Amino acid sequence: MFARLARYTVAPERLGDAIASFTEAGDGLQELPGFQDGYILVDEDDGSLLTLTMWSTRAALESSETRASALRRRATRAAEGSVQSVQCYEVAGELGVKSAGTRESSGS
């Protein structure tokens, strides 16, 4: 699995607008092949906002870039914010999840 993490700055009083805009943008991403999931993360104190999207393969992540970039710009503009950075990662592990084969037995 692969992930794209984008960081934005939005005025704290515009976070509601930003959340609505990025939620709408997410609707456009759902139509793309390989899209798995997405999250909007906010810090209401300083107006920082992050979007995290998950993709099934590197090819799906890469082929989504043009559409994702357009949606990102539109959502940012609607909230009068700015894009700080966009980075892509391979997901190396998942926290808090144990596979069935390594789960400890309860001793029963």
PDB file of N, CA and C in Angstrom:
ATOM      1  N   MET A   1       0.840  -1.167   0.000  1.00  0.00           N
ATOM      2  CA  MET A   1       0.000   0.000   0.000  1.00  0.00           C
ATOM      3  C   MET A   1       0.892   1.239   0.000  1.00  0.00           C
ATOM      4  N   PHE A   2       0.368   2.323  -0.559  1.00  0.00           N
ATOM      5  CA  PHE A   2       1.117   3.571  -0.665  1.00  0.00           C
ATOM      6  C   PHE A   2       0.247   4.721  -0.172  1.00  0.00           C
ATOM      7  N   ALA A   3       0.901   5.789   0.273  1.00  0.00           N
ATOM      8  CA  ALA A   3       0.180   6.915   0.858  1.00  0.00           C
ATOM      9  C   ALA A   3       0.713   8.236   0.315  1.00  0.00           C
ATOM     10  N   ARG A   4      -0.186   9.199   0.220  1.00  0.00           N
ATOM     11  CA  ARG A   4       0.196  10.574  -0.119  1.00  0.00           C
ATOM     12  C   ARG A   4      -0.231  11.437   1.069  1.00  0.00           C
ATOM     13  N   LEU A   5       0.717  12.191   1.612  1.00  0.00           N
ATOM     14  CA  LEU A   5       0.465  13.078   2.737  1.00  0.00           C
ATOM     15  C   LEU A   5       0.692  14.510   2.277  1.00  0.00           C
ATOM     16  N   ALA A   6      -0.342  15.324   2.371  1.00  0.00           N
ATOM     17  CA  ALA A   6      -0.235  16.735   1.978  1.00  0.00           C
ATOM     18  C   ALA A   6      -0.503  17.605   3.196  1.00  0.00           C
ATOM     19  N   ARG A   7       0.315  18.657   3.339  1.00  0.00           N
ATOM     20  CA  ARG A   7       0.184  19.601   4.456  1.00  0.00           C
ATOM     21  C   ARG A   7      -0.263  20.948   3.916  1.00  0.00           C
ATOM     22  N   TYR A   8      -1.166  21.572   4.663  1.00  0.00           N
ATOM     23  CA  TYR A   8      -1.739  22.852   4.271  1.00  0.00           C
ATOM     24  C   TYR A   8      -1.741  23.808   5.454  1.00  0.00           C
ATOM     25  N   THR A   9      -1.837  25.078   5.149  1.00  0.00           N
ATOM     26  CA  THR A   9      -2.091  26.088   6.166  1.00  0.00           C
ATOM     27  C   THR A   9      -3.396  26.776   5.806  1.00  0.00           C
ATOM     28  N   VAL A  10      -4.289  26.863   6.790  1.00  0.00           N
ATOM     29  CA  VAL A  10      -5.589  27.491   6.616  1.00  0.00           C
ATOM     30  C   VAL A  10      -5.831  28.340   7.862  1.00  0.00           C
ATOM     31  N   ALA A  11      -6.395  29.505   7.699  1.00  0.00           N
ATOM     32  CA  ALA A  11      -6.736  30.326   8.860  1.00  0.00           C
ATOM     33  C   ALA A  11      -7.687  29.526   9.754  1.00  0.00           C
ATOM     34  N   PRO A  12      -7.449  29.519  11.065  1.00  0.00           N
ATOM     35  CA  PRO A  12      -8.300  28.715  11.960  1.00  0.00           C
ATOM     36  C   PRO A  12      -9.797  28.960  11.761  1.00  0.00           C
ATOM     37  N   GLU A  13     -10.187  30.184  11.457  1.00  0.00           N
ATOM     38  CA  GLU A  13     -11.613  30.468  11.258  1.00  0.00           C
ATOM     39  C   GLU A  13     -12.140  29.915   9.935  1.00  0.00           C
ATOM     40  N   ARG A  14     -11.267  29.431   9.063  1.00  0.00           N
ATOM     41  CA  ARG A  14     -11.675  28.863   7.773  1.00  0.00           C
ATOM     42  C   ARG A  14     -11.597  27.337   7.750  1.00  0.00           C
ATOM     43  N   LEU A  15     -11.269  26.710   8.894  1.00  0.00           N
ATOM     44  CA  LEU A  15     -11.136  25.253   8.906  1.00  0.00           C
ATOM     45  C   LEU A  15     -12.432  24.543   8.510  1.00  0.00           C
ATOM     46  N   GLY A  16     -13.577  25.054   8.926  1.00  0.00           N
ATOM     47  CA  GLY A  16     -14.850  24.441   8.534  1.00  0.00           C
ATOM     48  C   GLY A  16     -15.009  24.430   7.024  1.00  0.00           C
ATOM     49  N   ASP A  17     -14.670  25.551   6.387  1.00  0.00           N
ATOM     50  CA  ASP A  17     -14.727  25.626   4.925  1.00  0.00           C
ATOM     51  C   ASP A  17     -13.739  24.647   4.294  1.00  0.00           C
ATOM     52  N   ALA A  18     -12.557  24.567   4.882  1.00  0.00           N
ATOM     53  CA  ALA A  18     -11.533  23.669   4.353  1.00  0.00           C
ATOM     54  C   ALA A  18     -11.973  22.215   4.453  1.00  0.00           C
ATOM     55  N   ILE A  19     -12.522  21.838   5.583  1.00  0.00           N
ATOM     56  CA  ILE A  19     -12.980  20.455   5.764  1.00  0.00           C
ATOM     57  C   ILE A  19     -14.050  20.122   4.729  1.00  0.00           C
ATOM     58  N   ALA A  20     -14.992  21.030   4.526  1.00  0.00           N
ATOM     59  CA  ALA A  20     -16.042  20.802   3.526  1.00  0.00           C
ATOM     60  C   ALA A  20     -15.445  20.682   2.124  1.00  0.00           C
ATOM     61  N   SER A  21     -14.489  21.537   1.798  1.00  0.00           N
ATOM     62  CA  SER A  21     -13.864  21.514   0.468  1.00  0.00           C
ATOM     63  C   SER A  21     -13.065  20.237   0.246  1.00  0.00           C
ATOM     64  N   PHE A  22     -12.302  19.812   1.258  1.00  0.00           N
ATOM     65  CA  PHE A  22     -11.509  18.598   1.102  1.00  0.00           C
ATOM     66  C   PHE A  22     -12.382  17.349   1.112  1.00  0.00           C
ATOM     67  N   THR A  23     -13.492  17.391   1.826  1.00  0.00           N
ATOM     68  CA  THR A  23     -14.431  16.261   1.787  1.00  0.00           C
ATOM     69  C   THR A  23     -14.992  16.114   0.375  1.00  0.00           C
ATOM     70  N   GLU A  24     -15.350  17.236  -0.235  1.00  0.00           N
ATOM     71  CA  GLU A  24     -15.841  17.213  -1.619  1.00  0.00           C
ATOM     72  C   GLU A  24     -14.760  16.713  -2.575  1.00  0.00           C
ATOM     73  N   ALA A  25     -13.524  17.160  -2.364  1.00  0.00           N
ATOM     74  CA  ALA A  25     -12.412  16.694  -3.200  1.00  0.00           C
ATOM     75  C   ALA A  25     -12.228  15.185  -3.067  1.00  0.00           C
ATOM     76  N   GLY A  26     -12.424  14.684  -1.864  1.00  0.00           N
ATOM     77  CA  GLY A  26     -12.302  13.244  -1.628  1.00  0.00           C
ATOM     78  C   GLY A  26     -13.300  12.436  -2.431  1.00  0.00           C
ATOM     79  N   ASP A  27     -14.462  13.027  -2.666  1.00  0.00           N
ATOM     80  CA  ASP A  27     -15.456  12.341  -3.500  1.00  0.00           C
ATOM     81  C   ASP A  27     -14.902  12.091  -4.898  1.00  0.00           C
ATOM     82  N   GLY A  28     -14.115  13.045  -5.405  1.00  0.00           N
ATOM     83  CA  GLY A  28     -13.492  12.877  -6.713  1.00  0.00           C
ATOM     84  C   GLY A  28     -12.404  11.823  -6.720  1.00  0.00           C
ATOM     85  N   LEU A  29     -11.703  11.693  -5.603  1.00  0.00           N
ATOM     86  CA  LEU A  29     -10.639  10.684  -5.519  1.00  0.00           C
ATOM     87  C   LEU A  29     -11.189   9.269  -5.467  1.00  0.00           C
ATOM     88  N   GLN A  30     -12.348   9.098  -4.857  1.00  0.00           N
ATOM     89  CA  GLN A  30     -12.932   7.762  -4.719  1.00  0.00           C
ATOM     90  C   GLN A  30     -13.170   7.085  -6.059  1.00  0.00           C
ATOM     91  N   GLU A  31     -13.317   7.886  -7.102  1.00  0.00           N
ATOM     92  CA  GLU A  31     -13.577   7.343  -8.430  1.00  0.00           C
ATOM     93  C   GLU A  31     -12.322   6.799  -9.104  1.00  0.00           C
ATOM     94  N   LEU A  32     -11.155   7.128  -8.566  1.00  0.00           N
ATOM     95  CA  LEU A  32      -9.903   6.748  -9.218  1.00  0.00           C
ATOM     96  C   LEU A  32      -9.510   5.315  -8.886  1.00  0.00           C
ATOM     97  N   PRO A  33      -8.974   4.584  -9.860  1.00  0.00           N
ATOM     98  CA  PRO A  33      -8.539   3.205  -9.621  1.00  0.00           C
ATOM     99  C   PRO A  33      -7.466   3.144  -8.541  1.00  0.00           C
ATOM    100  N   GLY A  34      -7.625   2.212  -7.631  1.00  0.00           N
ATOM    101  CA  GLY A  34      -6.618   1.982  -6.591  1.00  0.00           C
ATOM    102  C   GLY A  34      -6.791   2.809  -5.336  1.00  0.00           C
ATOM    103  N   PHE A  35      -7.755   3.745  -5.317  1.00  0.00           N
ATOM    104  CA  PHE A  35      -7.987   4.530  -4.108  1.00  0.00           C
ATOM    105  C   PHE A  35      -8.506   3.604  -3.017  1.00  0.00           C
ATOM    106  N   GLN A  36      -7.905   3.676  -1.829  1.00  0.00           N
ATOM    107  CA  GLN A  36      -8.292   2.817  -0.719  1.00  0.00           C
ATOM    108  C   GLN A  36      -9.060   3.561   0.368  1.00  0.00           C
ATOM    109  N   ASP A  37      -8.515   4.702   0.793  1.00  0.00           N
ATOM    110  CA  ASP A  37      -9.090   5.419   1.920  1.00  0.00           C
ATOM    111  C   ASP A  37      -8.467   6.802   1.995  1.00  0.00           C
ATOM    112  N   GLY A  38      -9.068   7.681   2.766  1.00  0.00           N
ATOM    113  CA  GLY A  38      -8.506   9.009   2.930  1.00  0.00           C
ATOM    114  C   GLY A  38      -8.947   9.634   4.236  1.00  0.00           C
ATOM    115  N   TYR A  39      -8.126  10.539   4.745  1.00  0.00           N
ATOM    116  CA  TYR A  39      -8.393  11.193   6.025  1.00  0.00           C
ATOM    117  C   TYR A  39      -8.065  12.676   5.927  1.00  0.00           C
ATOM    118  N   ILE A  40      -8.809  13.480   6.662  1.00  0.00           N
ATOM    119  CA  ILE A  40      -8.521  14.899   6.827  1.00  0.00           C
ATOM    120  C   ILE A  40      -8.183  15.092   8.296  1.00  0.00           C
ATOM    121  N   LEU A  41      -6.995  15.616   8.561  1.00  0.00           N
ATOM    122  CA  LEU A  41      -6.538  15.835   9.932  1.00  0.00           C
ATOM    123  C   LEU A  41      -6.376  17.328  10.159  1.00  0.00           C
ATOM    124  N   VAL A  42      -6.864  17.844  11.282  1.00  0.00           N
ATOM    125  CA  VAL A  42      -6.770  19.274  11.535  1.00  0.00           C
ATOM    126  C   VAL A  42      -6.240  19.562  12.937  1.00  0.00           C
ATOM    127  N   ASP A  43      -5.585  20.701  13.055  1.00  0.00           N
ATOM    128  CA  ASP A  43      -5.205  21.266  14.342  1.00  0.00           C
ATOM    129  C   ASP A  43      -5.924  22.604  14.420  1.00  0.00           C
ATOM    130  N   GLU A  44      -6.993  22.663  15.189  1.00  0.00           N
ATOM    131  CA  GLU A  44      -7.821  23.861  15.239  1.00  0.00           C
ATOM    132  C   GLU A  44      -7.096  25.051  15.858  1.00  0.00           C
ATOM    133  N   ASP A  45      -6.067  24.800  16.635  1.00  0.00           N
ATOM    134  CA  ASP A  45      -5.358  25.900  17.283  1.00  0.00           C
ATOM    135  C   ASP A  45      -4.540  26.729  16.301  1.00  0.00           C
ATOM    136  N   ASP A  46      -3.851  26.056  15.386  1.00  0.00           N
ATOM    137  CA  ASP A  46      -2.976  26.818  14.485  1.00  0.00           C
ATOM    138  C   ASP A  46      -3.419  26.800  13.019  1.00  0.00           C
ATOM    139  N   GLY A  47      -4.510  26.108  12.723  1.00  0.00           N
ATOM    140  CA  GLY A  47      -5.010  26.103  11.356  1.00  0.00           C
ATOM    141  C   GLY A  47      -4.276  25.159  10.428  1.00  0.00           C
ATOM    142  N   SER A  48      -3.495  24.247  10.971  1.00  0.00           N
ATOM    143  CA  SER A  48      -2.842  23.304  10.075  1.00  0.00           C
ATOM    144  C   SER A  48      -3.821  22.183   9.724  1.00  0.00           C
ATOM    145  N   LEU A  49      -3.690  21.707   8.516  1.00  0.00           N
ATOM    146  CA  LEU A  49      -4.565  20.667   7.996  1.00  0.00           C
ATOM    147  C   LEU A  49      -3.704  19.725   7.175  1.00  0.00           C
ATOM    148  N   LEU A  50      -3.971  18.436   7.296  1.00  0.00           N
ATOM    149  CA  LEU A  50      -3.284  17.428   6.502  1.00  0.00           C
ATOM    150  C   LEU A  50      -4.321  16.550   5.836  1.00  0.00           C
ATOM    151  N   THR A  51      -4.009  16.088   4.637  1.00  0.00           N
ATOM    152  CA  THR A  51      -4.811  15.046   4.022  1.00  0.00           C
ATOM    153  C   THR A  51      -3.901  13.839   3.823  1.00  0.00           C
ATOM    154  N   LEU A  52      -4.435  12.679   4.111  1.00  0.00           N
ATOM    155  CA  LEU A  52      -3.710  11.421   3.951  1.00  0.00           C
ATOM    156  C   LEU A  52      -4.578  10.514   3.098  1.00  0.00           C
ATOM    157  N   THR A  53      -4.072  10.145   1.928  1.00  0.00           N
ATOM    158  CA  THR A  53      -4.812   9.234   1.063  1.00  0.00           C
ATOM    159  C   THR A  53      -4.004   7.956   0.888  1.00  0.00           C
ATOM    160  N   MET A  54      -4.718   6.853   0.823  1.00  0.00           N
ATOM    161  CA  MET A  54      -4.103   5.537   0.728  1.00  0.00           C
ATOM    162  C   MET A  54      -4.447   4.930  -0.628  1.00  0.00           C
ATOM    163  N   TRP A  55      -3.425   4.289  -1.233  1.00  0.00           N
ATOM    164  CA  TRP A  55      -3.536   3.744  -2.582  1.00  0.00           C
ATOM    165  C   TRP A  55      -3.046   2.306  -2.593  1.00  0.00           C
ATOM    166  N   SER A  56      -3.681   1.467  -3.400  1.00  0.00           N
ATOM    167  CA  SER A  56      -3.365   0.038  -3.410  1.00  0.00           C
ATOM    168  C   SER A  56      -1.977  -0.264  -3.959  1.00  0.00           C
ATOM    169  N   THR A  57      -1.517   0.519  -4.944  1.00  0.00           N
ATOM    170  CA  THR A  57      -0.216   0.262  -5.567  1.00  0.00           C
ATOM    171  C   THR A  57       0.491   1.582  -5.851  1.00  0.00           C
ATOM    172  N   ARG A  58       1.787   1.493  -6.088  1.00  0.00           N
ATOM    173  CA  ARG A  58       2.559   2.677  -6.473  1.00  0.00           C
ATOM    174  C   ARG A  58       2.024   3.244  -7.795  1.00  0.00           C
ATOM    175  N   ALA A  59       1.666   2.358  -8.717  1.00  0.00           N
ATOM    176  CA  ALA A  59       1.138   2.806 -10.008  1.00  0.00           C
ATOM    177  C   ALA A  59      -0.163   3.588  -9.828  1.00  0.00           C
ATOM    178  N   ALA A  60      -1.038   3.131  -8.936  1.00  0.00           N
ATOM    179  CA  ALA A  60      -2.295   3.843  -8.678  1.00  0.00           C
ATOM    180  C   ALA A  60      -2.012   5.211  -8.068  1.00  0.00           C
ATOM    181  N   LEU A  61      -1.073   5.272  -7.128  1.00  0.00           N
ATOM    182  CA  LEU A  61      -0.686   6.543  -6.511  1.00  0.00           C
ATOM    183  C   LEU A  61      -0.163   7.503  -7.566  1.00  0.00           C
ATOM    184  N   GLU A  62       0.744   7.028  -8.396  1.00  0.00           N
ATOM    185  CA  GLU A  62       1.351   7.887  -9.417  1.00  0.00           C
ATOM    186  C   GLU A  62       0.341   8.334 -10.466  1.00  0.00           C
ATOM    187  N   SER A  63      -0.543   7.441 -10.882  1.00  0.00           N
ATOM    188  CA  SER A  63      -1.497   7.820 -11.920  1.00  0.00           C
ATOM    189  C   SER A  63      -2.575   8.760 -11.394  1.00  0.00           C
ATOM    190  N   SER A  64      -2.736   8.836 -10.085  1.00  0.00           N
ATOM    191  CA  SER A  64      -3.731   9.738  -9.493  1.00  0.00           C
ATOM    192  C   SER A  64      -3.205  11.153  -9.316  1.00  0.00           C
ATOM    193  N   GLU A  65      -1.912  11.381  -9.512  1.00  0.00           N
ATOM    194  CA  GLU A  65      -1.303  12.657  -9.133  1.00  0.00           C
ATOM    195  C   GLU A  65      -1.913  13.862  -9.846  1.00  0.00           C
ATOM    196  N   THR A  66      -2.168  13.777 -11.125  1.00  0.00           N
ATOM    197  CA  THR A  66      -2.710  14.929 -11.850  1.00  0.00           C
ATOM    198  C   THR A  66      -4.081  15.314 -11.301  1.00  0.00           C
ATOM    199  N   ARG A  67      -4.949  14.331 -11.155  1.00  0.00           N
ATOM    200  CA  ARG A  67      -6.299  14.601 -10.630  1.00  0.00           C
ATOM    201  C   ARG A  67      -6.225  15.062  -9.180  1.00  0.00           C
ATOM    202  N   ALA A  68      -5.403  14.413  -8.369  1.00  0.00           N
ATOM    203  CA  ALA A  68      -5.275  14.783  -6.957  1.00  0.00           C
ATOM    204  C   ALA A  68      -4.755  16.206  -6.811  1.00  0.00           C
ATOM    205  N   SER A  69      -3.808  16.584  -7.646  1.00  0.00           N
ATOM    206  CA  SER A  69      -3.249  17.935  -7.592  1.00  0.00           C
ATOM    207  C   SER A  69      -4.319  18.980  -7.914  1.00  0.00           C
ATOM    208  N   ALA A  70      -5.138  18.733  -8.922  1.00  0.00           N
ATOM    209  CA  ALA A  70      -6.201  19.666  -9.279  1.00  0.00           C
ATOM    210  C   ALA A  70      -7.227  19.782  -8.155  1.00  0.00           C
ATOM    211  N   LEU A  71      -7.611  18.655  -7.570  1.00  0.00           N
ATOM    212  CA  LEU A  71      -8.567  18.674  -6.467  1.00  0.00           C
ATOM    213  C   LEU A  71      -7.987  19.388  -5.248  1.00  0.00           C
ATOM    214  N   ARG A  72      -6.703  19.174  -4.999  1.00  0.00           N
ATOM    215  CA  ARG A  72      -6.011  19.809  -3.872  1.00  0.00           C
ATOM    216  C   ARG A  72      -6.008  21.332  -4.039  1.00  0.00           C
ATOM    217  N   ARG A  73      -5.675  21.785  -5.234  1.00  0.00           N
ATOM    218  CA  ARG A  73      -5.647  23.232  -5.492  1.00  0.00           C
ATOM    219  C   ARG A  73      -7.034  23.845  -5.332  1.00  0.00           C
ATOM    220  N   ARG A  74      -8.043  23.189  -5.851  1.00  0.00           N
ATOM    221  CA  ARG A  74      -9.405  23.713  -5.763  1.00  0.00           C
ATOM    222  C   ARG A  74      -9.866  23.796  -4.307  1.00  0.00           C
ATOM    223  N   ALA A  75      -9.613  22.744  -3.538  1.00  0.00           N
ATOM    224  CA  ALA A  75     -10.029  22.733  -2.130  1.00  0.00           C
ATOM    225  C   ALA A  75      -9.280  23.787  -1.325  1.00  0.00           C
ATOM    226  N   THR A  76      -8.005  23.946  -1.596  1.00  0.00           N
ATOM    227  CA  THR A  76      -7.193  24.935  -0.880  1.00  0.00           C
ATOM    228  C   THR A  76      -7.658  26.345  -1.209  1.00  0.00           C
ATOM    229  N   ARG A  77      -7.914  26.591  -2.465  1.00  0.00           N
ATOM    230  CA  ARG A  77      -8.361  27.919  -2.906  1.00  0.00           C
ATOM    231  C   ARG A  77      -9.703  28.273  -2.263  1.00  0.00           C
ATOM    232  N   ALA A  78     -10.621  27.308  -2.171  1.00  0.00           N
ATOM    233  CA  ALA A  78     -11.939  27.560  -1.594  1.00  0.00           C
ATOM    234  C   ALA A  78     -11.855  27.988  -0.132  1.00  0.00           C
ATOM    235  N   ALA A  79     -10.824  27.537   0.569  1.00  0.00           N
ATOM    236  CA  ALA A  79     -10.660  27.886   1.988  1.00  0.00           C
ATOM    237  C   ALA A  79      -9.613  28.978   2.191  1.00  0.00           C
ATOM    238  N   GLU A  80      -9.139  29.563   1.076  1.00  0.00           N
ATOM    239  CA  GLU A  80      -8.112  30.603   1.130  1.00  0.00           C
ATOM    240  C   GLU A  80      -6.880  30.142   1.906  1.00  0.00           C
ATOM    241  N   GLY A  81      -6.499  28.886   1.668  1.00  0.00           N
ATOM    242  CA  GLY A  81      -5.325  28.319   2.321  1.00  0.00           C
ATOM    243  C   GLY A  81      -4.175  28.165   1.358  1.00  0.00           C
ATOM    244  N   SER A  82      -3.144  27.484   1.812  1.00  0.00           N
ATOM    245  CA  SER A  82      -1.992  27.241   0.945  1.00  0.00           C
ATOM    246  C   SER A  82      -1.454  25.831   1.184  1.00  0.00           C
ATOM    247  N   VAL A  83      -0.912  25.255   0.124  1.00  0.00           N
ATOM    248  CA  VAL A  83      -0.281  23.940   0.201  1.00  0.00           C
ATOM    249  C   VAL A  83       1.146  24.140   0.704  1.00  0.00           C
ATOM    250  N   GLN A  84       1.516  23.433   1.742  1.00  0.00           N
ATOM    251  CA  GLN A  84       2.869  23.520   2.289  1.00  0.00           C
ATOM    252  C   GLN A  84       3.787  22.455   1.694  1.00  0.00           C
ATOM    253  N   SER A  85       3.266  21.227   1.575  1.00  0.00           N
ATOM    254  CA  SER A  85       4.085  20.149   1.021  1.00  0.00           C
ATOM    255  C   SER A  85       3.198  18.971   0.638  1.00  0.00           C
ATOM    256  N   VAL A  86       3.712  18.152  -0.262  1.00  0.00           N
ATOM    257  CA  VAL A  86       3.055  16.908  -0.661  1.00  0.00           C
ATOM    258  C   VAL A  86       4.156  15.859  -0.750  1.00  0.00           C
ATOM    259  N   GLN A  87       3.979  14.756  -0.028  1.00  0.00           N
ATOM    260  CA  GLN A  87       4.970  13.689  -0.036  1.00  0.00           C
ATOM    261  C   GLN A  87       4.278  12.344  -0.194  1.00  0.00           C
ATOM    262  N   CYS A  88       4.981  11.415  -0.823  1.00  0.00           N
ATOM    263  CA  CYS A  88       4.452  10.068  -1.023  1.00  0.00           C
ATOM    264  C   CYS A  88       5.323   9.062  -0.287  1.00  0.00           C
ATOM    265  N   TYR A  89       4.671   8.035   0.229  1.00  0.00           N
ATOM    266  CA  TYR A  89       5.351   7.028   1.040  1.00  0.00           C
ATOM    267  C   TYR A  89       4.838   5.639   0.698  1.00  0.00           C
ATOM    268  N   GLU A  90       5.685   4.657   0.919  1.00  0.00           N
ATOM    269  CA  GLU A  90       5.219   3.275   0.936  1.00  0.00           C
ATOM    270  C   GLU A  90       4.852   2.957   2.378  1.00  0.00           C
ATOM    271  N   VAL A  91       3.722   2.317   2.582  1.00  0.00           N
ATOM    272  CA  VAL A  91       3.293   1.945   3.929  1.00  0.00           C
ATOM    273  C   VAL A  91       4.095   0.705   4.338  1.00  0.00           C
ATOM    274  N   ALA A  92       4.924   0.865   5.367  1.00  0.00           N
ATOM    275  CA  ALA A  92       5.813  -0.207   5.790  1.00  0.00           C
ATOM    276  C   ALA A  92       5.220  -1.081   6.886  1.00  0.00           C
ATOM    277  N   GLY A  93       4.199  -0.621   7.543  1.00  0.00           N
ATOM    278  CA  GLY A  93       3.585  -1.395   8.620  1.00  0.00           C
ATOM    279  C   GLY A  93       2.346  -0.694   9.116  1.00  0.00           C
ATOM    280  N   GLU A  94       1.634  -1.393   9.984  1.00  0.00           N
ATOM    281  CA  GLU A  94       0.408  -0.850  10.551  1.00  0.00           C
ATOM    282  C   GLU A  94       0.506  -0.978  12.059  1.00  0.00           C
ATOM    283  N   LEU A  95       0.146   0.061  12.756  1.00  0.00           N
ATOM    284  CA  LEU A  95       0.247   0.073  14.209  1.00  0.00           C
ATOM    285  C   LEU A  95      -1.023  -0.472  14.852  1.00  0.00           C
ATOM    286  N   GLY A  96      -0.855  -1.174  15.957  1.00  0.00           N
ATOM    287  CA  GLY A  96      -1.996  -1.633  16.716  1.00  0.00           C
ATOM    288  C   GLY A  96      -2.715  -2.825  16.141  1.00  0.00           C
ATOM    289  N   VAL A  97      -2.147  -3.462  15.148  1.00  0.00           N
ATOM    290  CA  VAL A  97      -2.792  -4.611  14.525  1.00  0.00           C
ATOM    291  C   VAL A  97      -1.860  -5.812  14.644  1.00  0.00           C
ATOM    292  N   LYS A  98      -2.401  -6.881  15.169  1.00  0.00           N
ATOM    293  CA  LYS A  98      -1.631  -8.123  15.261  1.00  0.00           C
ATOM    294  C   LYS A  98      -2.244  -9.125  14.298  1.00  0.00           C
ATOM    295  N   SER A  99      -1.388  -9.836  13.593  1.00  0.00           N
ATOM    296  CA  SER A  99      -1.935 -10.851  12.697  1.00  0.00           C
ATOM    297  C   SER A  99      -2.441 -12.018  13.526  1.00  0.00           C
ATOM    298  N   ALA A 100      -3.348 -12.799  12.970  1.00  0.00           N
ATOM    299  CA  ALA A 100      -3.968 -13.918  13.677  1.00  0.00           C
ATOM    300  C   ALA A 100      -2.928 -14.926  14.156  1.00  0.00           C
ATOM    301  N   GLY A 101      -1.847 -15.069  13.405  1.00  0.00           N
ATOM    302  CA  GLY A 101      -0.816 -16.023  13.777  1.00  0.00           C
ATOM    303  C   GLY A 101       0.055 -15.584  14.933  1.00  0.00           C
ATOM    304  N   THR A 102       0.094 -14.302  15.255  1.00  0.00           N
ATOM    305  CA  THR A 102       0.940 -13.824  16.343  1.00  0.00           C
ATOM    306  C   THR A 102       0.159 -13.354  17.545  1.00  0.00           C
ATOM    307  N   ARG A 103      -1.156 -13.431  17.479  1.00  0.00           N
ATOM    308  CA  ARG A 103      -1.991 -12.981  18.595  1.00  0.00           C
ATOM    309  C   ARG A 103      -1.754 -13.898  19.797  1.00  0.00           C
ATOM    310  N   GLU A 104      -1.555 -13.296  20.961  1.00  0.00           N
ATOM    311  CA  GLU A 104      -1.331 -14.080  22.174  1.00  0.00           C
ATOM    312  C   GLU A 104      -2.625 -14.729  22.607  1.00  0.00           C
ATOM    313  N   SER A 105      -2.529 -15.959  23.058  1.00  0.00           N
ATOM    314  CA  SER A 105      -3.730 -16.637  23.535  1.00  0.00           C
ATOM    315  C   SER A 105      -4.055 -16.169  24.940  1.00  0.00           C
ATOM    316  N   SER A 106      -5.320 -16.291  25.316  1.00  0.00           N
ATOM    317  CA  SER A 106      -5.756 -15.825  26.620  1.00  0.00           C
ATOM    318  C   SER A 106      -5.555 -16.882  27.694  1.00  0.00           C
ATOM    319  N   GLY A 107      -4.972 -18.003  27.345  1.00  0.00           N
ATOM    320  CA  GLY A 107      -4.675 -19.035  28.326  1.00  0.00           C
ATOM    321  C   GLY A 107      -5.850 -19.945  28.606  1.00  0.00           C
ATOM    322  N   SER A 108      -6.916 -19.892  27.831  1.00  0.00           N
ATOM    323  CA  SER A 108      -8.058 -20.750  28.088  1.00  0.00           C
ATOM    324  C   SER A 108      -7.946 -22.081  27.428  1.00  0.00           C
TER     325      SER A 108
END
